[in-house]
Amino acid sequence: KPGAEIRFKTDDDELFDESLEYFEQSGYEITYLT
């Protein structure tokens, strides 16, 4: 739905870092990151 949020959790550094690129590449805005 418009405005719907994806929440993603992992312990894997490489997966997390590369997923940041995937989200940007796919037209998502990161609204929270830790």
PDB file of all heavy atoms in Angstrom:
ATOM      1  N   LYS A   1       0.849  -1.187   0.000  1.00  0.00           N
ATOM      2  CA  LYS A   1       0.000   0.000   0.000  1.00  0.00           C
ATOM      3  C   LYS A   1       0.894   1.250   0.000  1.00  0.00           C
ATOM      4  O   LYS A   1       1.975   1.233   0.589  1.00  0.00           O
ATOM      5  CB  LYS A   1      -0.884  -0.015   1.250  1.00  0.00           C
ATOM      6  CG  LYS A   1      -1.967   1.030   1.293  1.00  0.00           C
ATOM      7  CD  LYS A   1      -2.841   0.815   2.516  1.00  0.00           C
ATOM      8  CE  LYS A   1      -3.948   1.857   2.584  1.00  0.00           C
ATOM      9  NZ  LYS A   1      -4.817   1.640   3.773  1.00  0.00           N
ATOM     10  N   PRO A   2       0.488   2.336  -0.669  1.00  0.00           N
ATOM     11  CA  PRO A   2       1.299   3.557  -0.639  1.00  0.00           C
ATOM     12  C   PRO A   2       1.628   3.956   0.803  1.00  0.00           C
ATOM     13  O   PRO A   2       0.749   4.007   1.662  1.00  0.00           O
ATOM     14  CB  PRO A   2       0.401   4.595  -1.315  1.00  0.00           C
ATOM     15  CG  PRO A   2      -0.435   3.781  -2.257  1.00  0.00           C
ATOM     16  CD  PRO A   2      -0.710   2.492  -1.529  1.00  0.00           C
ATOM     17  N   GLY A   3       2.902   4.197   1.053  1.00  0.00           N
ATOM     18  CA  GLY A   3       3.336   4.556   2.401  1.00  0.00           C
ATOM     19  C   GLY A   3       3.653   3.367   3.283  1.00  0.00           C
ATOM     20  O   GLY A   3       4.093   3.538   4.433  1.00  0.00           O
ATOM     21  N   ALA A   4       3.443   2.159   2.775  1.00  0.00           N
ATOM     22  CA  ALA A   4       3.726   0.955   3.553  1.00  0.00           C
ATOM     23  C   ALA A   4       5.220   0.861   3.842  1.00  0.00           C
ATOM     24  O   ALA A   4       6.057   1.263   3.041  1.00  0.00           O
ATOM     25  CB  ALA A   4       3.251  -0.287   2.809  1.00  0.00           C
ATOM     26  N   GLU A   5       5.553   0.270   4.968  1.00  0.00           N
ATOM     27  CA  GLU A   5       6.923   0.218   5.441  1.00  0.00           C
ATOM     28  C   GLU A   5       7.475  -1.208   5.362  1.00  0.00           C
ATOM     29  O   GLU A   5       6.786  -2.170   5.711  1.00  0.00           O
ATOM     30  CB  GLU A   5       6.963   0.705   6.890  1.00  0.00           C
ATOM     31  CG  GLU A   5       8.344   0.883   7.479  1.00  0.00           C
ATOM     32  CD  GLU A   5       8.278   1.510   8.861  1.00  0.00           C
ATOM     33  OE1 GLU A   5       7.849   0.817   9.809  1.00  0.00           O
ATOM     34  OE2 GLU A   5       8.638   2.698   9.003  1.00  0.00           O
ATOM     35  N   ILE A   6       8.700  -1.325   4.894  1.00  0.00           N
ATOM     36  CA  ILE A   6       9.435  -2.587   4.979  1.00  0.00           C
ATOM     37  C   ILE A   6      10.374  -2.488   6.176  1.00  0.00           C
ATOM     38  O   ILE A   6      11.086  -1.496   6.343  1.00  0.00           O
ATOM     39  CB  ILE A   6      10.254  -2.863   3.711  1.00  0.00           C
ATOM     40  CG1 ILE A   6       9.336  -3.064   2.502  1.00  0.00           C
ATOM     41  CG2 ILE A   6      11.137  -4.108   3.900  1.00  0.00           C
ATOM     42  CD1 ILE A   6      10.081  -3.326   1.201  1.00  0.00           C
ATOM     43  N   ARG A   7      10.367  -3.524   7.024  1.00  0.00           N
ATOM     44  CA  ARG A   7      11.310  -3.585   8.143  1.00  0.00           C
ATOM     45  C   ARG A   7      12.212  -4.805   7.940  1.00  0.00           C
ATOM     46  O   ARG A   7      11.728  -5.922   7.770  1.00  0.00           O
ATOM     47  CB  ARG A   7      10.557  -3.686   9.475  1.00  0.00           C
ATOM     48  CG  ARG A   7       9.689  -2.476   9.766  1.00  0.00           C
ATOM     49  CD  ARG A   7       9.077  -2.525  11.149  1.00  0.00           C
ATOM     50  NE  ARG A   7       8.185  -1.398  11.366  1.00  0.00           N
ATOM     51  CZ  ARG A   7       7.547  -1.151  12.508  1.00  0.00           C
ATOM     52  NH1 ARG A   7       7.713  -1.979  13.543  1.00  0.00           N
ATOM     53  NH2 ARG A   7       6.752  -0.113  12.631  1.00  0.00           N
ATOM     54  N   PHE A   8      13.506  -4.555   7.994  1.00  0.00           N
ATOM     55  CA  PHE A   8      14.492  -5.580   7.682  1.00  0.00           C
ATOM     56  C   PHE A   8      15.512  -5.681   8.804  1.00  0.00           C
ATOM     57  O   PHE A   8      16.095  -4.684   9.226  1.00  0.00           O
ATOM     58  CB  PHE A   8      15.176  -5.219   6.360  1.00  0.00           C
ATOM     59  CG  PHE A   8      16.401  -6.034   6.035  1.00  0.00           C
ATOM     60  CD1 PHE A   8      16.362  -7.426   6.019  1.00  0.00           C
ATOM     61  CD2 PHE A   8      17.601  -5.403   5.730  1.00  0.00           C
ATOM     62  CE1 PHE A   8      17.499  -8.165   5.716  1.00  0.00           C
ATOM     63  CE2 PHE A   8      18.730  -6.134   5.425  1.00  0.00           C
ATOM     64  CZ  PHE A   8      18.688  -7.517   5.424  1.00  0.00           C
ATOM     65  N   LYS A   9      15.732  -6.934   9.296  1.00  0.00           N
ATOM     66  CA  LYS A   9      16.709  -7.196  10.356  1.00  0.00           C
ATOM     67  C   LYS A   9      17.653  -8.311   9.931  1.00  0.00           C
ATOM     68  O   LYS A   9      17.230  -9.291   9.321  1.00  0.00           O
ATOM     69  CB  LYS A   9      16.009  -7.634  11.654  1.00  0.00           C
ATOM     70  CG  LYS A   9      15.385  -6.532  12.444  1.00  0.00           C
ATOM     71  CD  LYS A   9      15.025  -6.967  13.852  1.00  0.00           C
ATOM     72  CE  LYS A   9      13.796  -7.829  13.915  1.00  0.00           C
ATOM     73  NZ  LYS A   9      13.355  -8.078  15.310  1.00  0.00           N
ATOM     74  N   THR A  10      18.926  -8.153  10.301  1.00  0.00           N
ATOM     75  CA  THR A  10      19.911  -9.192  10.017  1.00  0.00           C
ATOM     76  C   THR A  10      21.096  -9.036  10.952  1.00  0.00           C
ATOM     77  O   THR A  10      21.341  -7.944  11.489  1.00  0.00           O
ATOM     78  CB  THR A  10      20.388  -9.124   8.556  1.00  0.00           C
ATOM     79  OG1 THR A  10      21.300 -10.198   8.308  1.00  0.00           O
ATOM     80  CG2 THR A  10      21.100  -7.809   8.259  1.00  0.00           C
ATOM     81  N   ASP A  11      21.844 -10.108  11.109  1.00  0.00           N
ATOM     82  CA  ASP A  11      23.107 -10.050  11.833  1.00  0.00           C
ATOM     83  C   ASP A  11      24.278  -9.963  10.871  1.00  0.00           C
ATOM     84  O   ASP A  11      25.420  -9.774  11.287  1.00  0.00           O
ATOM     85  CB  ASP A  11      23.284 -11.312  12.688  1.00  0.00           C
ATOM     86  CG  ASP A  11      23.419 -12.552  11.805  1.00  0.00           C
ATOM     87  OD1 ASP A  11      22.470 -12.818  11.038  1.00  0.00           O
ATOM     88  OD2 ASP A  11      24.468 -13.237  11.859  1.00  0.00           O
ATOM     89  N   ASP A  12      24.003 -10.100   9.556  1.00  0.00           N
ATOM     90  CA  ASP A  12      25.038 -10.235   8.542  1.00  0.00           C
ATOM     91  C   ASP A  12      25.429  -8.863   7.970  1.00  0.00           C
ATOM     92  O   ASP A  12      24.612  -8.193   7.344  1.00  0.00           O
ATOM     93  CB  ASP A  12      24.544 -11.150   7.422  1.00  0.00           C
ATOM     94  CG  ASP A  12      25.641 -11.554   6.467  1.00  0.00           C
ATOM     95  OD1 ASP A  12      26.015 -10.729   5.615  1.00  0.00           O
ATOM     96  OD2 ASP A  12      26.124 -12.696   6.579  1.00  0.00           O
ATOM     97  N   ASP A  13      26.673  -8.468   8.179  1.00  0.00           N
ATOM     98  CA  ASP A  13      27.133  -7.144   7.738  1.00  0.00           C
ATOM     99  C   ASP A  13      27.091  -6.989   6.221  1.00  0.00           C
ATOM    100  O   ASP A  13      26.627  -5.960   5.714  1.00  0.00           O
ATOM    101  CB  ASP A  13      28.560  -6.891   8.235  1.00  0.00           C
ATOM    102  CG  ASP A  13      28.633  -6.700   9.741  1.00  0.00           C
ATOM    103  OD1 ASP A  13      27.981  -5.780  10.252  1.00  0.00           O
ATOM    104  OD2 ASP A  13      29.337  -7.483  10.410  1.00  0.00           O
ATOM    105  N   GLU A  14      27.592  -7.981   5.506  1.00  0.00           N
ATOM    106  CA  GLU A  14      27.623  -7.884   4.046  1.00  0.00           C
ATOM    107  C   GLU A  14      26.217  -7.805   3.474  1.00  0.00           C
ATOM    108  O   GLU A  14      25.942  -6.979   2.595  1.00  0.00           O
ATOM    109  CB  GLU A  14      28.358  -9.079   3.442  1.00  0.00           C
ATOM    110  CG  GLU A  14      28.438  -9.015   1.926  1.00  0.00           C
ATOM    111  CD  GLU A  14      29.133 -10.231   1.323  1.00  0.00           C
ATOM    112  OE1 GLU A  14      28.461 -11.279   1.166  1.00  0.00           O
ATOM    113  OE2 GLU A  14      30.326 -10.122   1.017  1.00  0.00           O
ATOM    114  N   LEU A  15      25.329  -8.640   3.969  1.00  0.00           N
ATOM    115  CA  LEU A  15      23.946  -8.607   3.490  1.00  0.00           C
ATOM    116  C   LEU A  15      23.320  -7.245   3.756  1.00  0.00           C
ATOM    117  O   LEU A  15      22.633  -6.689   2.894  1.00  0.00           O
ATOM    118  CB  LEU A  15      23.121  -9.706   4.171  1.00  0.00           C
ATOM    119  CG  LEU A  15      21.614  -9.679   3.893  1.00  0.00           C
ATOM    120  CD1 LEU A  15      21.331  -9.888   2.409  1.00  0.00           C
ATOM    121  CD2 LEU A  15      20.885 -10.730   4.729  1.00  0.00           C
ATOM    122  N   PHE A  16      23.544  -6.704   4.941  1.00  0.00           N
ATOM    123  CA  PHE A  16      22.958  -5.411   5.288  1.00  0.00           C
ATOM    124  C   PHE A  16      23.486  -4.308   4.373  1.00  0.00           C
ATOM    125  O   PHE A  16      22.712  -3.522   3.812  1.00  0.00           O
ATOM    126  CB  PHE A  16      23.251  -5.075   6.751  1.00  0.00           C
ATOM    127  CG  PHE A  16      22.463  -3.898   7.271  1.00  0.00           C
ATOM    128  CD1 PHE A  16      21.109  -4.013   7.534  1.00  0.00           C
ATOM    129  CD2 PHE A  16      23.074  -2.676   7.497  1.00  0.00           C
ATOM    130  CE1 PHE A  16      20.371  -2.938   8.011  1.00  0.00           C
ATOM    131  CE2 PHE A  16      22.358  -1.596   7.976  1.00  0.00           C
ATOM    132  CZ  PHE A  16      21.004  -1.723   8.231  1.00  0.00           C
ATOM    133  N   ASP A  17      24.820  -4.249   4.219  1.00  0.00           N
ATOM    134  CA  ASP A  17      25.419  -3.197   3.395  1.00  0.00           C
ATOM    135  C   ASP A  17      24.941  -3.290   1.942  1.00  0.00           C
ATOM    136  O   ASP A  17      24.605  -2.266   1.322  1.00  0.00           O
ATOM    137  CB  ASP A  17      26.944  -3.294   3.445  1.00  0.00           C
ATOM    138  CG  ASP A  17      27.506  -2.891   4.798  1.00  0.00           C
ATOM    139  OD1 ASP A  17      26.810  -2.177   5.536  1.00  0.00           O
ATOM    140  OD2 ASP A  17      28.639  -3.295   5.106  1.00  0.00           O
ATOM    141  N   GLU A  18      24.900  -4.481   1.405  1.00  0.00           N
ATOM    142  CA  GLU A  18      24.479  -4.634   0.014  1.00  0.00           C
ATOM    143  C   GLU A  18      22.972  -4.420  -0.137  1.00  0.00           C
ATOM    144  O   GLU A  18      22.511  -3.949  -1.177  1.00  0.00           O
ATOM    145  CB  GLU A  18      24.917  -5.996  -0.508  1.00  0.00           C
ATOM    146  CG  GLU A  18      26.437  -6.092  -0.589  1.00  0.00           C
ATOM    147  CD  GLU A  18      26.946  -7.390  -1.185  1.00  0.00           C
ATOM    148  OE1 GLU A  18      26.124  -8.237  -1.618  1.00  0.00           O
ATOM    149  OE2 GLU A  18      28.182  -7.569  -1.218  1.00  0.00           O
ATOM    150  N   SER A  19      22.223  -4.720   0.917  1.00  0.00           N
ATOM    151  CA  SER A  19      20.779  -4.466   0.870  1.00  0.00           C
ATOM    152  C   SER A  19      20.488  -2.977   0.831  1.00  0.00           C
ATOM    153  O   SER A  19      19.510  -2.545   0.207  1.00  0.00           O
ATOM    154  CB  SER A  19      20.086  -5.116   2.071  1.00  0.00           C
ATOM    155  OG  SER A  19      20.141  -6.526   1.987  1.00  0.00           O
ATOM    156  N   LEU A  20      21.321  -2.181   1.497  1.00  0.00           N
ATOM    157  CA  LEU A  20      21.151  -0.719   1.414  1.00  0.00           C
ATOM    158  C   LEU A  20      21.215  -0.261  -0.040  1.00  0.00           C
ATOM    159  O   LEU A  20      20.439   0.597  -0.460  1.00  0.00           O
ATOM    160  CB  LEU A  20      22.238  -0.018   2.239  1.00  0.00           C
ATOM    161  CG  LEU A  20      22.153  -0.159   3.761  1.00  0.00           C
ATOM    162  CD1 LEU A  20      23.359   0.497   4.418  1.00  0.00           C
ATOM    163  CD2 LEU A  20      20.862   0.437   4.291  1.00  0.00           C
ATOM    164  N   GLU A  21      22.129  -0.856  -0.794  1.00  0.00           N
ATOM    165  CA  GLU A  21      22.241  -0.528  -2.210  1.00  0.00           C
ATOM    166  C   GLU A  21      21.003  -1.000  -2.971  1.00  0.00           C
ATOM    167  O   GLU A  21      20.508  -0.303  -3.865  1.00  0.00           O
ATOM    168  CB  GLU A  21      23.492  -1.176  -2.793  1.00  0.00           C
ATOM    169  CG  GLU A  21      24.794  -0.680  -2.182  1.00  0.00           C
ATOM    170  CD  GLU A  21      26.005  -1.409  -2.732  1.00  0.00           C
ATOM    171  OE1 GLU A  21      25.873  -2.097  -3.763  1.00  0.00           O
ATOM    172  OE2 GLU A  21      27.086  -1.298  -2.129  1.00  0.00           O
ATOM    173  N   TYR A  22      20.500  -2.194  -2.615  1.00  0.00           N
ATOM    174  CA  TYR A  22      19.308  -2.717  -3.283  1.00  0.00           C
ATOM    175  C   TYR A  22      18.104  -1.796  -3.060  1.00  0.00           C
ATOM    176  O   TYR A  22      17.330  -1.527  -3.986  1.00  0.00           O
ATOM    177  CB  TYR A  22      18.940  -4.108  -2.763  1.00  0.00           C
ATOM    178  CG  TYR A  22      19.996  -5.182  -2.947  1.00  0.00           C
ATOM    179  CD1 TYR A  22      20.068  -6.251  -2.047  1.00  0.00           C
ATOM    180  CD2 TYR A  22      20.909  -5.159  -3.993  1.00  0.00           C
ATOM    181  CE1 TYR A  22      21.006  -7.260  -2.191  1.00  0.00           C
ATOM    182  CE2 TYR A  22      21.860  -6.155  -4.146  1.00  0.00           C
ATOM    183  CZ  TYR A  22      21.905  -7.210  -3.235  1.00  0.00           C
ATOM    184  OH  TYR A  22      22.830  -8.203  -3.376  1.00  0.00           O
ATOM    185  N   PHE A  23      17.947  -1.324  -1.817  1.00  0.00           N
ATOM    186  CA  PHE A  23      16.808  -0.449  -1.512  1.00  0.00           C
ATOM    187  C   PHE A  23      16.896   0.849  -2.310  1.00  0.00           C
ATOM    188  O   PHE A  23      15.900   1.319  -2.862  1.00  0.00           O
ATOM    189  CB  PHE A  23      16.746  -0.154  -0.007  1.00  0.00           C
ATOM    190  CG  PHE A  23      16.048  -1.206   0.800  1.00  0.00           C
ATOM    191  CD1 PHE A  23      16.772  -2.174   1.472  1.00  0.00           C
ATOM    192  CD2 PHE A  23      14.665  -1.248   0.870  1.00  0.00           C
ATOM    193  CE1 PHE A  23      16.145  -3.155   2.219  1.00  0.00           C
ATOM    194  CE2 PHE A  23      14.009  -2.227   1.615  1.00  0.00           C
ATOM    195  CZ  PHE A  23      14.755  -3.188   2.294  1.00  0.00           C
ATOM    196  N   GLU A  24      18.097   1.424  -2.366  1.00  0.00           N
ATOM    197  CA  GLU A  24      18.279   2.663  -3.136  1.00  0.00           C
ATOM    198  C   GLU A  24      18.036   2.408  -4.620  1.00  0.00           C
ATOM    199  O   GLU A  24      17.356   3.193  -5.299  1.00  0.00           O
ATOM    200  CB  GLU A  24      19.688   3.205  -2.919  1.00  0.00           C
ATOM    201  CG  GLU A  24      19.948   4.516  -3.652  1.00  0.00           C
ATOM    202  CD  GLU A  24      21.335   5.078  -3.397  1.00  0.00           C
ATOM    203  OE1 GLU A  24      22.075   4.476  -2.602  1.00  0.00           O
ATOM    204  OE2 GLU A  24      21.660   6.113  -4.005  1.00  0.00           O
ATOM    205  N   GLN A  25      18.567   1.309  -5.115  1.00  0.00           N
ATOM    206  CA  GLN A  25      18.426   0.959  -6.525  1.00  0.00           C
ATOM    207  C   GLN A  25      16.969   0.749  -6.898  1.00  0.00           C
ATOM    208  O   GLN A  25      16.551   1.005  -8.033  1.00  0.00           O
ATOM    209  CB  GLN A  25      19.242  -0.318  -6.799  1.00  0.00           C
ATOM    210  CG  GLN A  25      19.312  -0.750  -8.254  1.00  0.00           C
ATOM    211  CD  GLN A  25      20.203  -1.977  -8.424  1.00  0.00           C
ATOM    212  OE1 GLN A  25      20.710  -2.530  -7.448  1.00  0.00           O
ATOM    213  NE2 GLN A  25      20.375  -2.419  -9.649  1.00  0.00           N
ATOM    214  N   SER A  26      16.168   0.300  -5.947  1.00  0.00           N
ATOM    215  CA  SER A  26      14.767  -0.033  -6.210  1.00  0.00           C
ATOM    216  C   SER A  26      13.816   1.126  -5.930  1.00  0.00           C
ATOM    217  O   SER A  26      12.594   0.960  -6.033  1.00  0.00           O
ATOM    218  CB  SER A  26      14.350  -1.248  -5.360  1.00  0.00           C
ATOM    219  OG  SER A  26      15.217  -2.335  -5.592  1.00  0.00           O
ATOM    220  N   GLY A  27      14.351   2.276  -5.554  1.00  0.00           N
ATOM    221  CA  GLY A  27      13.503   3.444  -5.366  1.00  0.00           C
ATOM    222  C   GLY A  27      12.826   3.527  -4.012  1.00  0.00           C
ATOM    223  O   GLY A  27      11.710   4.041  -3.895  1.00  0.00           O
ATOM    224  N   TYR A  28      13.497   3.030  -2.965  1.00  0.00           N
ATOM    225  CA  TYR A  28      12.978   3.144  -1.601  1.00  0.00           C
ATOM    226  C   TYR A  28      13.759   4.214  -0.843  1.00  0.00           C
ATOM    227  O   TYR A  28      14.933   4.470  -1.126  1.00  0.00           O
ATOM    228  CB  TYR A  28      13.118   1.820  -0.850  1.00  0.00           C
ATOM    229  CG  TYR A  28      12.146   0.744  -1.268  1.00  0.00           C
ATOM    230  CD1 TYR A  28      12.395  -0.048  -2.382  1.00  0.00           C
ATOM    231  CD2 TYR A  28      10.976   0.505  -0.542  1.00  0.00           C
ATOM    232  CE1 TYR A  28      11.520  -1.043  -2.765  1.00  0.00           C
ATOM    233  CE2 TYR A  28      10.092  -0.497  -0.916  1.00  0.00           C
ATOM    234  CZ  TYR A  28      10.368  -1.262  -2.029  1.00  0.00           C
ATOM    235  OH  TYR A  28       9.486  -2.251  -2.409  1.00  0.00           O
ATOM    236  N   GLU A  29      13.112   4.787   0.128  1.00  0.00           N
ATOM    237  CA  GLU A  29      13.772   5.735   1.023  1.00  0.00           C
ATOM    238  C   GLU A  29      13.994   5.065   2.372  1.00  0.00           C
ATOM    239  O   GLU A  29      13.045   4.542   2.972  1.00  0.00           O
ATOM    240  CB  GLU A  29      12.907   6.987   1.211  1.00  0.00           C
ATOM    241  CG  GLU A  29      13.486   7.999   2.183  1.00  0.00           C
ATOM    242  CD  GLU A  29      12.557   9.160   2.444  1.00  0.00           C
ATOM    243  OE1 GLU A  29      11.492   9.222   1.803  1.00  0.00           O
ATOM    244  OE2 GLU A  29      12.885  10.001   3.307  1.00  0.00           O
ATOM    245  N   ILE A  30      15.234   5.060   2.856  1.00  0.00           N
ATOM    246  CA  ILE A  30      15.532   4.521   4.180  1.00  0.00           C
ATOM    247  C   ILE A  30      15.078   5.548   5.211  1.00  0.00           C
ATOM    248  O   ILE A  30      15.574   6.679   5.236  1.00  0.00           O
ATOM    249  CB  ILE A  30      17.035   4.228   4.353  1.00  0.00           C
ATOM    250  CG1 ILE A  30      17.538   3.303   3.252  1.00  0.00           C
ATOM    251  CG2 ILE A  30      17.301   3.636   5.735  1.00  0.00           C
ATOM    252  CD1 ILE A  30      16.912   1.937   3.231  1.00  0.00           C
ATOM    253  N   THR A  31      14.134   5.179   6.045  1.00  0.00           N
ATOM    254  CA  THR A  31      13.584   6.120   7.029  1.00  0.00           C
ATOM    255  C   THR A  31      14.161   5.925   8.421  1.00  0.00           C
ATOM    256  O   THR A  31      14.028   6.790   9.286  1.00  0.00           O
ATOM    257  CB  THR A  31      12.057   5.988   7.092  1.00  0.00           C
ATOM    258  OG1 THR A  31      11.705   4.612   7.312  1.00  0.00           O
ATOM    259  CG2 THR A  31      11.419   6.451   5.784  1.00  0.00           C
ATOM    260  N   TYR A  32      14.791   4.779   8.648  1.00  0.00           N
ATOM    261  CA  TYR A  32      15.452   4.522   9.938  1.00  0.00           C
ATOM    262  C   TYR A  32      16.531   3.479   9.701  1.00  0.00           C
ATOM    263  O   TYR A  32      16.314   2.509   8.967  1.00  0.00           O
ATOM    264  CB  TYR A  32      14.454   4.020  10.985  1.00  0.00           C
ATOM    265  CG  TYR A  32      15.067   3.822  12.354  1.00  0.00           C
ATOM    266  CD1 TYR A  32      15.152   4.875  13.243  1.00  0.00           C
ATOM    267  CD2 TYR A  32      15.572   2.580  12.745  1.00  0.00           C
ATOM    268  CE1 TYR A  32      15.739   4.713  14.499  1.00  0.00           C
ATOM    269  CE2 TYR A  32      16.151   2.406  13.999  1.00  0.00           C
ATOM    270  CZ  TYR A  32      16.229   3.478  14.863  1.00  0.00           C
ATOM    271  OH  TYR A  32      16.810   3.315  16.108  1.00  0.00           O
ATOM    272  N   LEU A  33      17.697   3.669  10.339  1.00  0.00           N
ATOM    273  CA  LEU A  33      18.798   2.731  10.162  1.00  0.00           C
ATOM    274  C   LEU A  33      19.636   2.696  11.438  1.00  0.00           C
ATOM    275  O   LEU A  33      19.970   3.748  12.006  1.00  0.00           O
ATOM    276  CB  LEU A  33      19.664   3.150   8.971  1.00  0.00           C
ATOM    277  CG  LEU A  33      20.807   2.213   8.543  1.00  0.00           C
ATOM    278  CD1 LEU A  33      21.120   2.423   7.063  1.00  0.00           C
ATOM    279  CD2 LEU A  33      22.083   2.451   9.362  1.00  0.00           C
ATOM    280  N   THR A  34      19.941   1.494  11.885  1.00  0.00           N
ATOM    281  CA  THR A  34      20.865   1.326  12.996  1.00  0.00           C
ATOM    282  C   THR A  34      21.673   0.059  12.786  1.00  0.00           C
ATOM    283  O   THR A  34      21.160  -0.925  12.250  1.00  0.00           O
ATOM    284  CB  THR A  34      20.136   1.266  14.359  1.00  0.00           C
ATOM    285  OG1 THR A  34      21.098   1.029  15.398  1.00  0.00           O
ATOM    286  CG2 THR A  34      19.104   0.145  14.389  1.00  0.00           C
TER     287      THR A  34
END
